[in-house]
Amino acid sequence: MSLMVGADHIRRYGELEPDGTGRGQRRGFGGRNRCVTVFYCAKCGCELTGDLVVLPAVPDVDDPDDGRDKKSGRARSTVPRGCCAIDPGPWGAPFVPVEAPRRQVRNSGRELMRPYGWETVSAGRRDSVVVHPEDVLPRLTPFTRGANWAGCCGPSGANGPNLACACGSRLATWAADCMGPHGLHLDPVRVYAG
């Protein structure tokens, strides 16, 4: 059975309740301020992650170069190991053209290198699940057909899902290039939380 992934789902099924602090509180567990969930492949039911603590939001990155690995060029991961967060905005491919902004837009530090330049914005799925790559990568296989693994020093993540479950379901996009963010987004339609 497939369950929707998203902030509402995590509140219902992960039992996260607002407690006024912004951290949330798990119902029925003595007020622990942690919501823990595991993600599974919607096609075959394979466990993709261990227990992950759900963060209230995807952290912004003030300086994408702060903490960047000197050898690989990779930025720090968007979320800490053992955690996940729901990204409510559109993320990843496809990208659509936009008019130039009239004012400076604040950069979250999580923007991808876009294949057609900065005059585009993501029209990808909303509510993707952002996880630390090391929490998922051992269980997924690179899907390297076409340009979806393109990047300078690693996959840019700008060309669509580039990781697949053992059953073949392309369910994750890993961004790990030296010029962009370092994170892994699980497709909210192809995974479920349990």
N, C-alpha and C. Protein backbone atom coordinates (compact mmCIF):
# COMPACT_ATOMS: atom_id res chain seq x y z
N MET A 1 0.84 -1.17 0.00
CA MET A 1 0.00 0.00 0.00
C MET A 1 0.89 1.24 0.00
N SER A 2 0.60 2.18 -0.85
CA SER A 2 1.38 3.40 -0.97
C SER A 2 0.72 4.54 -0.21
N LEU A 3 1.50 5.24 0.58
CA LEU A 3 1.00 6.40 1.33
C LEU A 3 1.65 7.64 0.77
N MET A 4 0.95 8.74 0.80
CA MET A 4 1.52 10.00 0.33
C MET A 4 2.61 10.46 1.27
N VAL A 5 3.60 11.12 0.71
CA VAL A 5 4.65 11.71 1.51
C VAL A 5 4.45 13.21 1.45
N GLY A 6 4.58 13.87 2.54
CA GLY A 6 4.45 15.31 2.59
C GLY A 6 4.30 15.74 4.03
N ALA A 7 4.29 17.03 4.24
CA ALA A 7 4.21 17.55 5.61
C ALA A 7 2.95 17.05 6.31
N ASP A 8 1.80 17.04 5.62
CA ASP A 8 0.57 16.56 6.24
C ASP A 8 0.68 15.08 6.57
N HIS A 9 1.28 14.30 5.67
CA HIS A 9 1.44 12.87 5.92
C HIS A 9 2.32 12.63 7.15
N ILE A 10 3.43 13.36 7.23
CA ILE A 10 4.33 13.17 8.36
C ILE A 10 3.61 13.53 9.66
N ARG A 11 2.81 14.58 9.66
CA ARG A 11 2.07 14.93 10.87
C ARG A 11 1.09 13.82 11.25
N ARG A 12 0.39 13.26 10.25
CA ARG A 12 -0.61 12.22 10.55
C ARG A 12 0.04 10.90 10.92
N TYR A 13 0.92 10.41 10.04
CA TYR A 13 1.45 9.07 10.22
C TYR A 13 2.69 9.04 11.10
N GLY A 14 3.48 10.13 11.07
CA GLY A 14 4.66 10.20 11.92
C GLY A 14 4.34 10.81 13.27
N GLU A 15 3.11 11.25 13.44
CA GLU A 15 2.59 11.75 14.71
C GLU A 15 3.29 13.02 15.19
N LEU A 16 3.70 13.87 14.27
CA LEU A 16 4.33 15.13 14.65
C LEU A 16 3.25 16.15 14.94
N GLU A 17 3.27 16.70 16.12
CA GLU A 17 2.30 17.71 16.53
C GLU A 17 3.04 18.99 16.89
N PRO A 18 2.56 20.14 16.44
CA PRO A 18 3.20 21.39 16.84
C PRO A 18 3.13 21.55 18.36
N ASP A 19 4.22 22.01 18.94
CA ASP A 19 4.23 22.22 20.39
C ASP A 19 4.59 23.65 20.76
N GLY A 20 4.56 24.55 19.77
CA GLY A 20 4.85 25.95 20.04
C GLY A 20 6.33 26.29 19.98
N THR A 21 7.21 25.29 19.90
CA THR A 21 8.65 25.57 19.86
C THR A 21 9.21 25.51 18.46
N GLY A 22 8.40 25.02 17.49
CA GLY A 22 8.90 24.86 16.14
C GLY A 22 9.56 23.52 15.91
N ARG A 23 9.72 22.73 16.98
CA ARG A 23 10.37 21.43 16.83
C ARG A 23 9.36 20.31 16.66
N GLY A 24 8.16 20.48 17.13
CA GLY A 24 7.15 19.42 17.05
C GLY A 24 7.26 18.48 18.24
N GLN A 25 6.22 17.75 18.47
CA GLN A 25 6.19 16.81 19.59
C GLN A 25 5.49 15.55 19.14
N ARG A 26 6.04 14.42 19.47
CA ARG A 26 5.44 13.16 19.07
C ARG A 26 4.37 12.78 20.08
N ARG A 27 3.16 12.50 19.56
CA ARG A 27 2.04 12.15 20.43
C ARG A 27 2.28 10.80 21.09
N GLY A 28 1.92 10.70 22.35
CA GLY A 28 1.92 9.42 23.03
C GLY A 28 3.29 8.90 23.42
N PHE A 29 4.33 9.72 23.32
CA PHE A 29 5.66 9.26 23.66
C PHE A 29 6.31 10.16 24.70
N GLY A 30 5.54 10.59 25.66
CA GLY A 30 6.09 11.36 26.77
C GLY A 30 6.66 12.70 26.39
N GLY A 31 6.19 13.29 25.29
CA GLY A 31 6.63 14.64 24.93
C GLY A 31 7.99 14.70 24.29
N ARG A 32 8.52 13.61 23.76
CA ARG A 32 9.80 13.68 23.06
C ARG A 32 9.61 14.57 21.84
N ASN A 33 10.54 15.44 21.59
CA ASN A 33 10.42 16.38 20.47
C ASN A 33 11.07 15.80 19.22
N ARG A 34 10.66 14.58 18.85
CA ARG A 34 11.22 13.94 17.67
C ARG A 34 10.13 13.16 16.94
N CYS A 35 10.10 13.31 15.66
CA CYS A 35 9.24 12.50 14.81
C CYS A 35 10.20 11.63 14.01
N VAL A 36 10.04 10.33 14.07
CA VAL A 36 10.95 9.42 13.38
C VAL A 36 10.16 8.66 12.32
N THR A 37 10.74 8.53 11.14
CA THR A 37 10.08 7.79 10.07
C THR A 37 11.11 7.05 9.24
N VAL A 38 10.64 6.08 8.46
CA VAL A 38 11.44 5.30 7.53
C VAL A 38 10.78 5.44 6.16
N PHE A 39 11.57 5.49 5.09
CA PHE A 39 11.02 5.60 3.74
C PHE A 39 11.22 4.30 2.98
N TYR A 40 10.21 3.97 2.16
CA TYR A 40 10.18 2.73 1.39
C TYR A 40 9.89 3.03 -0.08
N CYS A 41 10.32 2.13 -0.97
CA CYS A 41 10.00 2.22 -2.39
C CYS A 41 8.52 1.89 -2.57
N ALA A 42 7.78 2.74 -3.28
CA ALA A 42 6.35 2.51 -3.49
C ALA A 42 6.09 1.36 -4.46
N LYS A 43 7.07 1.00 -5.28
CA LYS A 43 6.88 -0.07 -6.26
C LYS A 43 7.08 -1.45 -5.64
N CYS A 44 8.17 -1.63 -4.87
CA CYS A 44 8.48 -2.97 -4.36
C CYS A 44 8.44 -3.08 -2.83
N GLY A 45 8.34 -1.95 -2.13
CA GLY A 45 8.28 -1.97 -0.67
C GLY A 45 9.63 -2.08 0.02
N CYS A 46 10.73 -2.01 -0.75
CA CYS A 46 12.08 -2.10 -0.18
C CYS A 46 12.34 -0.92 0.76
N GLU A 47 12.94 -1.20 1.91
CA GLU A 47 13.30 -0.14 2.86
C GLU A 47 14.47 0.65 2.29
N LEU A 48 14.29 1.97 2.16
CA LEU A 48 15.31 2.83 1.57
C LEU A 48 16.16 3.53 2.62
N THR A 49 15.61 3.77 3.80
CA THR A 49 16.34 4.47 4.86
C THR A 49 16.16 3.72 6.17
N GLY A 50 17.01 4.03 7.11
CA GLY A 50 16.75 3.63 8.48
C GLY A 50 15.85 4.68 9.10
N ASP A 51 15.75 4.69 10.42
CA ASP A 51 14.95 5.71 11.11
C ASP A 51 15.56 7.09 10.87
N LEU A 52 14.73 8.02 10.43
CA LEU A 52 15.17 9.40 10.21
C LEU A 52 14.33 10.34 11.06
N VAL A 53 15.00 11.31 11.68
CA VAL A 53 14.31 12.35 12.43
C VAL A 53 13.82 13.39 11.43
N VAL A 54 12.55 13.74 11.51
CA VAL A 54 11.96 14.70 10.58
C VAL A 54 12.19 16.12 11.09
N LEU A 55 12.89 16.93 10.29
CA LEU A 55 13.11 18.33 10.63
C LEU A 55 11.87 19.14 10.25
N PRO A 56 11.61 20.26 10.93
CA PRO A 56 10.43 21.06 10.63
C PRO A 56 10.49 21.75 9.26
N ALA A 57 11.70 21.94 8.73
CA ALA A 57 11.87 22.60 7.42
C ALA A 57 13.24 22.24 6.87
N VAL A 58 13.41 22.43 5.57
CA VAL A 58 14.72 22.24 4.96
C VAL A 58 15.59 23.42 5.36
N PRO A 59 16.76 23.16 5.95
CA PRO A 59 17.61 24.28 6.38
C PRO A 59 18.11 25.10 5.19
N ASP A 60 18.13 26.42 5.34
CA ASP A 60 18.76 27.28 4.34
C ASP A 60 20.26 27.18 4.53
N VAL A 61 20.98 27.44 3.46
CA VAL A 61 22.44 27.42 3.49
C VAL A 61 22.90 28.86 3.29
N ASP A 62 23.40 29.50 4.35
CA ASP A 62 23.81 30.90 4.25
C ASP A 62 24.93 31.10 3.24
N ASP A 63 25.95 30.26 3.33
CA ASP A 63 27.08 30.34 2.41
C ASP A 63 27.33 28.94 1.86
N PRO A 64 26.95 28.69 0.60
CA PRO A 64 27.10 27.35 0.05
C PRO A 64 28.55 26.85 0.03
N ASP A 65 29.52 27.76 0.08
CA ASP A 65 30.92 27.35 0.07
C ASP A 65 31.48 27.07 1.45
N ASP A 66 30.76 27.46 2.50
CA ASP A 66 31.21 27.21 3.87
C ASP A 66 31.15 25.71 4.15
N GLY A 67 32.28 25.12 4.48
CA GLY A 67 32.33 23.70 4.79
C GLY A 67 32.45 22.81 3.57
N ARG A 68 32.64 23.40 2.39
CA ARG A 68 32.78 22.61 1.16
C ARG A 68 34.07 21.79 1.25
N ASP A 69 33.98 20.51 0.90
CA ASP A 69 35.14 19.62 0.94
C ASP A 69 36.20 20.09 -0.05
N LYS A 70 37.42 20.24 0.42
CA LYS A 70 38.49 20.76 -0.43
C LYS A 70 38.88 19.79 -1.54
N LYS A 71 38.79 18.49 -1.28
CA LYS A 71 39.20 17.49 -2.27
C LYS A 71 38.13 17.25 -3.33
N SER A 72 36.90 16.98 -2.91
CA SER A 72 35.82 16.65 -3.86
C SER A 72 35.08 17.88 -4.37
N GLY A 73 35.15 18.98 -3.64
CA GLY A 73 34.41 20.18 -4.00
C GLY A 73 32.96 20.17 -3.57
N ARG A 74 32.52 19.07 -2.94
CA ARG A 74 31.12 18.97 -2.52
C ARG A 74 30.84 19.87 -1.32
N ALA A 75 29.65 20.46 -1.37
CA ALA A 75 29.17 21.28 -0.25
C ALA A 75 28.77 20.35 0.90
N ARG A 76 28.56 20.94 2.07
CA ARG A 76 27.97 20.16 3.17
C ARG A 76 26.60 19.69 2.72
N SER A 77 26.15 18.58 3.27
CA SER A 77 24.82 18.09 2.91
C SER A 77 23.76 19.08 3.38
N THR A 78 22.68 19.15 2.61
CA THR A 78 21.58 20.06 2.92
C THR A 78 20.97 19.75 4.28
N VAL A 79 20.82 18.47 4.61
CA VAL A 79 20.30 18.07 5.93
C VAL A 79 21.34 17.20 6.62
N PRO A 80 21.38 17.21 7.95
CA PRO A 80 22.35 16.38 8.68
C PRO A 80 22.04 14.89 8.51
N ARG A 81 23.06 14.07 8.74
CA ARG A 81 22.89 12.61 8.68
C ARG A 81 21.85 12.19 9.72
N GLY A 82 20.99 11.24 9.34
CA GLY A 82 19.96 10.75 10.25
C GLY A 82 18.72 11.61 10.29
N CYS A 83 18.63 12.60 9.39
CA CYS A 83 17.48 13.51 9.37
C CYS A 83 16.89 13.58 7.96
N CYS A 84 15.67 14.11 7.90
CA CYS A 84 15.03 14.38 6.61
C CYS A 84 14.13 15.59 6.79
N ALA A 85 13.73 16.17 5.68
CA ALA A 85 12.81 17.31 5.69
C ALA A 85 12.01 17.30 4.40
N ILE A 86 10.81 17.83 4.45
CA ILE A 86 9.97 17.93 3.27
C ILE A 86 10.19 19.30 2.64
N ASP A 87 10.55 19.32 1.35
CA ASP A 87 10.74 20.56 0.62
C ASP A 87 9.41 20.91 -0.05
N PRO A 88 8.67 21.91 0.45
CA PRO A 88 7.34 22.20 -0.08
C PRO A 88 7.34 22.79 -1.48
N GLY A 89 8.45 23.38 -1.89
CA GLY A 89 8.49 24.02 -3.21
C GLY A 89 8.84 23.04 -4.31
N PRO A 90 8.68 23.47 -5.55
CA PRO A 90 9.11 22.62 -6.66
C PRO A 90 10.62 22.47 -6.64
N TRP A 91 11.12 21.30 -7.02
CA TRP A 91 12.57 21.06 -7.00
C TRP A 91 12.95 20.17 -8.17
N GLY A 92 14.05 20.52 -8.82
CA GLY A 92 14.61 19.69 -9.88
C GLY A 92 13.91 19.86 -11.22
N ALA A 93 14.27 18.95 -12.13
CA ALA A 93 13.73 18.98 -13.49
C ALA A 93 12.24 18.67 -13.48
N PRO A 94 11.51 19.20 -14.43
CA PRO A 94 11.92 20.08 -15.52
C PRO A 94 12.04 21.53 -15.06
N PHE A 95 12.74 22.31 -15.87
CA PHE A 95 12.88 23.74 -15.62
C PHE A 95 12.13 24.50 -16.70
N VAL A 96 11.52 25.61 -16.32
CA VAL A 96 10.74 26.41 -17.26
C VAL A 96 11.28 27.84 -17.28
N PRO A 97 11.19 28.52 -18.44
CA PRO A 97 11.70 29.90 -18.53
C PRO A 97 10.87 30.87 -17.69
N VAL A 98 11.55 31.89 -17.18
CA VAL A 98 10.88 32.95 -16.43
C VAL A 98 11.46 34.29 -16.86
N GLU A 99 10.69 35.35 -16.63
CA GLU A 99 11.21 36.69 -16.87
C GLU A 99 12.21 37.02 -15.78
N ALA A 100 13.12 37.90 -16.11
CA ALA A 100 14.11 38.33 -15.12
C ALA A 100 13.40 38.97 -13.93
N PRO A 101 13.82 38.65 -12.71
CA PRO A 101 13.17 39.25 -11.54
C PRO A 101 13.42 40.76 -11.49
N ARG A 102 12.44 41.49 -10.99
CA ARG A 102 12.57 42.95 -10.88
C ARG A 102 13.41 43.35 -9.67
N ARG A 103 13.50 42.45 -8.72
CA ARG A 103 14.33 42.73 -7.54
C ARG A 103 15.16 41.50 -7.23
N GLN A 104 16.19 41.69 -6.45
CA GLN A 104 17.07 40.58 -6.07
C GLN A 104 16.29 39.56 -5.25
N VAL A 105 16.35 38.31 -5.66
CA VAL A 105 15.69 37.23 -4.93
C VAL A 105 16.70 36.58 -4.01
N ARG A 106 16.31 36.34 -2.74
CA ARG A 106 17.22 35.72 -1.78
C ARG A 106 17.53 34.29 -2.20
N ASN A 107 18.80 33.96 -2.24
CA ASN A 107 19.26 32.63 -2.60
C ASN A 107 19.26 31.76 -1.35
N SER A 108 18.65 30.58 -1.44
CA SER A 108 18.61 29.68 -0.27
C SER A 108 19.88 28.86 -0.16
N GLY A 109 20.74 28.90 -1.19
CA GLY A 109 21.95 28.08 -1.17
C GLY A 109 21.69 26.65 -1.61
N ARG A 110 20.46 26.36 -2.02
CA ARG A 110 20.11 24.99 -2.42
C ARG A 110 19.76 24.91 -3.90
N GLU A 111 20.02 25.97 -4.68
CA GLU A 111 19.65 25.99 -6.08
C GLU A 111 20.59 25.11 -6.90
N LEU A 112 20.02 24.43 -7.89
CA LEU A 112 20.80 23.58 -8.78
C LEU A 112 21.38 24.40 -9.92
N MET A 113 22.48 23.89 -10.49
CA MET A 113 22.99 24.45 -11.74
C MET A 113 21.99 24.03 -12.81
N ARG A 114 21.33 24.98 -13.42
CA ARG A 114 20.27 24.66 -14.38
C ARG A 114 20.86 24.42 -15.77
N PRO A 115 20.31 23.43 -16.49
CA PRO A 115 20.87 23.12 -17.80
C PRO A 115 20.71 24.23 -18.83
N TYR A 116 19.74 25.14 -18.66
CA TYR A 116 19.51 26.19 -19.65
C TYR A 116 19.76 27.58 -19.09
N GLY A 117 20.52 27.68 -18.04
CA GLY A 117 20.87 28.97 -17.48
C GLY A 117 19.97 29.38 -16.33
N TRP A 118 20.27 30.55 -15.78
CA TRP A 118 19.58 31.04 -14.58
C TRP A 118 18.25 31.70 -14.90
N GLU A 119 17.85 31.74 -16.17
CA GLU A 119 16.58 32.34 -16.55
C GLU A 119 15.45 31.32 -16.45
N THR A 120 15.66 30.27 -15.72
CA THR A 120 14.65 29.22 -15.56
C THR A 120 14.40 28.97 -14.08
N VAL A 121 13.25 28.39 -13.79
CA VAL A 121 12.94 27.96 -12.42
C VAL A 121 12.43 26.53 -12.48
N SER A 122 12.51 25.86 -11.37
CA SER A 122 12.06 24.48 -11.31
C SER A 122 10.55 24.39 -11.43
N ALA A 123 10.12 23.42 -12.22
CA ALA A 123 8.70 23.05 -12.29
C ALA A 123 8.57 21.59 -11.87
N GLY A 124 9.57 21.13 -11.10
CA GLY A 124 9.58 19.74 -10.63
C GLY A 124 8.55 19.51 -9.54
N ARG A 125 8.54 18.30 -9.04
CA ARG A 125 7.56 17.92 -8.02
C ARG A 125 7.74 18.73 -6.73
N ARG A 126 6.63 19.00 -6.09
CA ARG A 126 6.63 19.62 -4.77
C ARG A 126 6.68 18.52 -3.72
N ASP A 127 7.03 18.87 -2.50
CA ASP A 127 7.04 17.96 -1.35
C ASP A 127 8.02 16.80 -1.50
N SER A 128 9.16 17.03 -2.18
CA SER A 128 10.18 15.98 -2.21
C SER A 128 10.77 15.85 -0.81
N VAL A 129 11.29 14.67 -0.52
CA VAL A 129 11.87 14.38 0.79
C VAL A 129 13.37 14.56 0.68
N VAL A 130 13.94 15.51 1.41
CA VAL A 130 15.38 15.77 1.37
C VAL A 130 16.04 14.96 2.47
N VAL A 131 17.02 14.13 2.08
CA VAL A 131 17.73 13.29 3.04
C VAL A 131 19.23 13.48 2.86
N HIS A 132 19.99 13.05 3.85
CA HIS A 132 21.44 13.04 3.72
C HIS A 132 21.79 11.90 2.77
N PRO A 133 22.63 12.14 1.77
CA PRO A 133 22.95 11.09 0.80
C PRO A 133 23.42 9.78 1.42
N GLU A 134 24.22 9.84 2.48
CA GLU A 134 24.74 8.61 3.08
C GLU A 134 23.67 7.79 3.78
N ASP A 135 22.50 8.38 4.03
CA ASP A 135 21.40 7.62 4.63
C ASP A 135 20.67 6.76 3.60
N VAL A 136 20.90 7.01 2.31
CA VAL A 136 20.16 6.31 1.26
C VAL A 136 21.07 5.64 0.22
N LEU A 137 22.20 6.25 -0.11
CA LEU A 137 23.01 5.78 -1.23
C LEU A 137 23.38 4.30 -1.20
N PRO A 138 23.70 3.71 -0.07
CA PRO A 138 24.05 2.28 -0.14
C PRO A 138 22.92 1.40 -0.67
N ARG A 139 21.70 1.89 -0.63
CA ARG A 139 20.54 1.09 -1.04
C ARG A 139 20.06 1.40 -2.46
N LEU A 140 20.68 2.36 -3.13
CA LEU A 140 20.23 2.76 -4.47
C LEU A 140 21.34 2.55 -5.50
N THR A 141 20.95 2.45 -6.76
CA THR A 141 21.87 2.23 -7.87
C THR A 141 21.86 3.44 -8.79
N PRO A 142 23.04 3.91 -9.22
CA PRO A 142 23.05 5.03 -10.18
C PRO A 142 22.32 4.65 -11.47
N PHE A 143 21.52 5.57 -11.95
CA PHE A 143 20.82 5.43 -13.22
C PHE A 143 21.46 6.44 -14.15
N THR A 144 22.36 5.99 -15.01
CA THR A 144 23.22 6.92 -15.75
C THR A 144 22.90 6.99 -17.23
N ARG A 145 21.65 6.81 -17.60
CA ARG A 145 21.27 6.91 -19.01
C ARG A 145 21.05 8.38 -19.38
N GLY A 146 21.58 8.78 -20.53
CA GLY A 146 21.39 10.16 -20.98
C GLY A 146 22.24 11.13 -20.17
N ALA A 147 21.71 12.33 -19.96
CA ALA A 147 22.46 13.39 -19.29
C ALA A 147 22.15 13.49 -17.80
N ASN A 148 21.40 12.54 -17.25
CA ASN A 148 20.98 12.72 -15.86
C ASN A 148 22.10 12.54 -14.84
N TRP A 149 23.28 12.14 -15.24
CA TRP A 149 24.41 12.04 -14.32
C TRP A 149 25.42 13.15 -14.63
N ALA A 150 25.05 14.09 -15.51
CA ALA A 150 25.97 15.15 -15.94
C ALA A 150 26.35 16.05 -14.78
N GLY A 151 27.59 16.49 -14.82
CA GLY A 151 28.12 17.40 -13.82
C GLY A 151 29.62 17.46 -13.98
N CYS A 152 30.24 18.37 -13.31
CA CYS A 152 31.68 18.53 -13.39
C CYS A 152 32.39 17.47 -12.55
N CYS A 153 32.09 17.43 -11.26
CA CYS A 153 32.76 16.53 -10.32
C CYS A 153 31.81 15.51 -9.70
N GLY A 154 30.59 15.50 -10.14
CA GLY A 154 29.56 14.60 -9.62
C GLY A 154 28.26 14.95 -10.29
N PRO A 155 27.20 14.24 -10.00
CA PRO A 155 25.92 14.53 -10.65
C PRO A 155 25.38 15.90 -10.22
N SER A 156 24.93 16.69 -11.19
CA SER A 156 24.40 18.02 -10.87
C SER A 156 23.00 17.93 -10.27
N GLY A 157 22.25 16.88 -10.61
CA GLY A 157 20.89 16.74 -10.13
C GLY A 157 19.88 17.53 -10.94
N ALA A 158 20.33 18.25 -11.96
CA ALA A 158 19.44 19.13 -12.72
C ALA A 158 18.74 18.44 -13.88
N ASN A 159 19.03 17.17 -14.11
CA ASN A 159 18.46 16.49 -15.27
C ASN A 159 17.51 15.36 -14.89
N GLY A 160 16.93 15.43 -13.73
CA GLY A 160 15.94 14.44 -13.34
C GLY A 160 16.50 13.32 -12.49
N PRO A 161 15.66 12.37 -12.11
CA PRO A 161 16.08 11.28 -11.22
C PRO A 161 17.30 10.55 -11.76
N ASN A 162 18.29 10.33 -10.88
CA ASN A 162 19.51 9.66 -11.30
C ASN A 162 19.87 8.47 -10.40
N LEU A 163 18.97 8.10 -9.50
CA LEU A 163 19.18 6.92 -8.65
C LEU A 163 17.93 6.07 -8.68
N ALA A 164 18.14 4.75 -8.70
CA ALA A 164 17.01 3.82 -8.78
C ALA A 164 17.09 2.78 -7.68
N CYS A 165 15.92 2.28 -7.30
CA CYS A 165 15.80 1.16 -6.37
C CYS A 165 16.24 -0.10 -7.13
N ALA A 166 16.49 -1.18 -6.43
CA ALA A 166 16.86 -2.45 -7.06
C ALA A 166 15.78 -2.94 -8.02
N CYS A 167 14.53 -2.55 -7.80
CA CYS A 167 13.42 -2.96 -8.68
C CYS A 167 13.38 -2.16 -9.97
N GLY A 168 14.22 -1.12 -10.09
CA GLY A 168 14.27 -0.31 -11.30
C GLY A 168 13.53 1.01 -11.21
N SER A 169 12.80 1.26 -10.14
CA SER A 169 12.06 2.51 -9.99
C SER A 169 13.04 3.67 -9.78
N ARG A 170 13.00 4.66 -10.69
CA ARG A 170 13.85 5.85 -10.57
C ARG A 170 13.19 6.78 -9.57
N LEU A 171 13.66 6.77 -8.33
CA LEU A 171 12.94 7.44 -7.26
C LEU A 171 13.71 8.50 -6.52
N ALA A 172 14.94 8.79 -6.94
CA ALA A 172 15.72 9.78 -6.20
C ALA A 172 16.60 10.58 -7.15
N THR A 173 16.88 11.82 -6.74
CA THR A 173 17.80 12.68 -7.48
C THR A 173 18.89 13.13 -6.52
N TRP A 174 20.13 12.80 -6.87
CA TRP A 174 21.29 13.15 -6.06
C TRP A 174 22.00 14.32 -6.71
N ALA A 175 22.20 15.40 -5.98
CA ALA A 175 22.97 16.55 -6.43
C ALA A 175 24.27 16.55 -5.64
N ALA A 176 25.40 16.37 -6.33
CA ALA A 176 26.69 16.28 -5.64
C ALA A 176 27.82 16.89 -6.46
N ASP A 177 27.51 17.86 -7.29
CA ASP A 177 28.53 18.50 -8.11
C ASP A 177 29.26 19.55 -7.28
N CYS A 178 30.45 19.91 -7.74
CA CYS A 178 31.25 20.90 -7.01
C CYS A 178 30.69 22.31 -7.12
N MET A 179 29.75 22.54 -8.03
CA MET A 179 29.21 23.88 -8.24
C MET A 179 27.84 24.11 -7.61
N GLY A 180 27.28 23.12 -6.96
CA GLY A 180 25.93 23.29 -6.42
C GLY A 180 25.78 22.71 -5.03
N PRO A 181 24.56 22.45 -4.64
CA PRO A 181 24.29 21.90 -3.31
C PRO A 181 24.64 20.42 -3.25
N HIS A 182 24.65 19.86 -2.07
CA HIS A 182 24.88 18.43 -1.88
C HIS A 182 23.69 17.89 -1.10
N GLY A 183 22.84 17.17 -1.80
CA GLY A 183 21.66 16.62 -1.15
C GLY A 183 21.01 15.58 -2.01
N LEU A 184 20.09 14.86 -1.42
CA LEU A 184 19.38 13.81 -2.14
C LEU A 184 17.90 14.00 -1.91
N HIS A 185 17.14 14.07 -3.00
CA HIS A 185 15.69 14.27 -2.94
C HIS A 185 14.99 12.99 -3.36
N LEU A 186 14.14 12.48 -2.48
CA LEU A 186 13.30 11.32 -2.81
C LEU A 186 12.02 11.82 -3.45
N ASP A 187 11.60 11.18 -4.54
CA ASP A 187 10.38 11.55 -5.25
C ASP A 187 9.17 11.21 -4.37
N PRO A 188 8.32 12.20 -4.06
CA PRO A 188 7.20 11.95 -3.14
C PRO A 188 6.14 11.01 -3.69
N VAL A 189 6.15 10.75 -5.00
CA VAL A 189 5.18 9.83 -5.59
C VAL A 189 5.73 8.40 -5.59
N ARG A 190 7.05 8.27 -5.63
CA ARG A 190 7.66 6.95 -5.75
C ARG A 190 8.17 6.37 -4.45
N VAL A 191 7.99 7.10 -3.35
CA VAL A 191 8.34 6.57 -2.02
C VAL A 191 7.17 6.79 -1.07
N TYR A 192 7.19 6.08 0.03
CA TYR A 192 6.21 6.33 1.09
C TYR A 192 6.88 6.20 2.44
N ALA A 193 6.30 6.87 3.41
CA ALA A 193 6.82 6.86 4.78
C ALA A 193 6.04 5.85 5.60
N GLY A 194 6.73 5.16 6.46
CA GLY A 194 6.05 4.18 7.31
C GLY A 194 6.59 4.18 8.70
